[in-house]
Each structure stands twice: as structure tokens, then as C-alpha cells.
Amino acid sequence: MANLKVTQVKSVIGGKQNQRDTLRTLGLKRIGATVVKEDRPEVRGMIATVAHLVTVEEVD
């Protein structure tokens, strides 16, 4: 199964609380932070919630 590289590119300042919580759950704390997550429906849903704040790449 593929992995997803998620990078935070925008600040969450002024965002909704659920967006802040979602970024923290993904493991992102600051702009430029990157995490690699397994490509699962739960992770895809979290990414969809904060799609305007992150970039996503598929990695092997």
C-alpha cells in the first residue's frame, strides 16, 4: 500500500478549531513540517478537512 507525504504550507491562525485539531492529529505543528502517513480512508478524510493548508504527495 502506498504512503502519503503531507506537508503543511499555510498557517492555521484564524482557522476553525476542528482544523487545528486535525493538523495536530496528523502530526503537523508548523509550516514546513512533513509527515508520512499510510494511505487509508481515515487519513484521506483528515487531509480533505485541511486541504487548503497542506500539500500531499504519494510516495512508495
Protein backbone atom coordinates (compact mmCIF):
# COMPACT_ATOMS: atom_id res chain seq x y z
CA MET A 1 0.00 0.00 0.00
CA ALA A 2 1.24 3.48 -0.84
CA ASN A 3 2.12 6.19 1.62
CA LEU A 4 1.22 9.88 1.56
CA LYS A 5 3.67 12.66 2.33
CA VAL A 6 1.72 15.52 3.88
CA THR A 7 3.36 18.95 4.25
CA GLN A 8 1.83 21.96 5.98
CA VAL A 9 2.16 25.02 3.74
CA LYS A 10 -0.19 27.53 5.38
CA SER A 11 -0.82 28.72 8.90
CA VAL A 12 -3.83 27.61 10.90
CA ILE A 13 -4.12 31.01 12.60
CA GLY A 14 -7.70 32.18 12.17
CA GLY A 15 -8.85 28.68 11.26
CA LYS A 16 -11.58 26.70 12.92
CA GLN A 17 -10.85 24.56 15.95
CA ASN A 18 -11.56 21.32 14.10
CA GLN A 19 -8.92 22.26 11.51
CA ARG A 20 -6.38 22.94 14.25
CA ASP A 21 -7.21 19.61 15.87
CA THR A 22 -6.96 17.78 12.56
CA LEU A 23 -3.49 19.17 11.82
CA ARG A 24 -2.34 18.19 15.30
CA THR A 25 -3.77 14.68 14.84
CA LEU A 26 -1.87 14.36 11.57
CA GLY A 27 1.30 15.33 13.46
CA LEU A 28 1.78 18.75 11.88
CA LYS A 29 2.78 21.58 14.20
CA ARG A 30 4.29 24.28 12.00
CA ILE A 31 4.62 25.47 8.42
CA GLY A 32 7.06 23.28 6.53
CA ALA A 33 6.51 20.27 8.77
CA THR A 34 6.19 16.98 6.87
CA VAL A 35 4.80 13.61 7.91
CA VAL A 36 4.40 10.34 6.05
CA LYS A 37 1.11 8.56 6.63
CA GLU A 38 -0.34 5.34 5.30
CA ASP A 39 -2.89 5.87 2.52
CA ARG A 40 -6.07 4.96 4.41
CA PRO A 41 -9.62 6.36 4.20
CA GLU A 42 -9.31 7.89 7.67
CA VAL A 43 -6.19 9.81 6.70
CA ARG A 44 -7.74 10.89 3.38
CA GLY A 45 -10.69 12.32 5.32
CA MET A 46 -8.41 14.30 7.61
CA ILE A 47 -6.50 15.62 4.60
CA ALA A 48 -9.77 16.69 2.97
CA THR A 49 -10.62 18.72 6.08
CA VAL A 50 -7.40 20.74 5.83
CA ALA A 51 -6.77 20.50 2.08
CA HIS A 52 -6.29 24.27 1.81
CA LEU A 53 -3.47 24.18 4.40
CA VAL A 54 -1.43 21.20 3.17
CA THR A 55 0.10 19.66 0.08
CA VAL A 56 0.01 15.89 -0.49
CA GLU A 57 2.38 13.68 -2.47
CA GLU A 58 2.22 9.94 -2.97
CA VAL A 59 5.44 8.13 -2.07
CA ASP A 60 6.50 4.50 -2.04
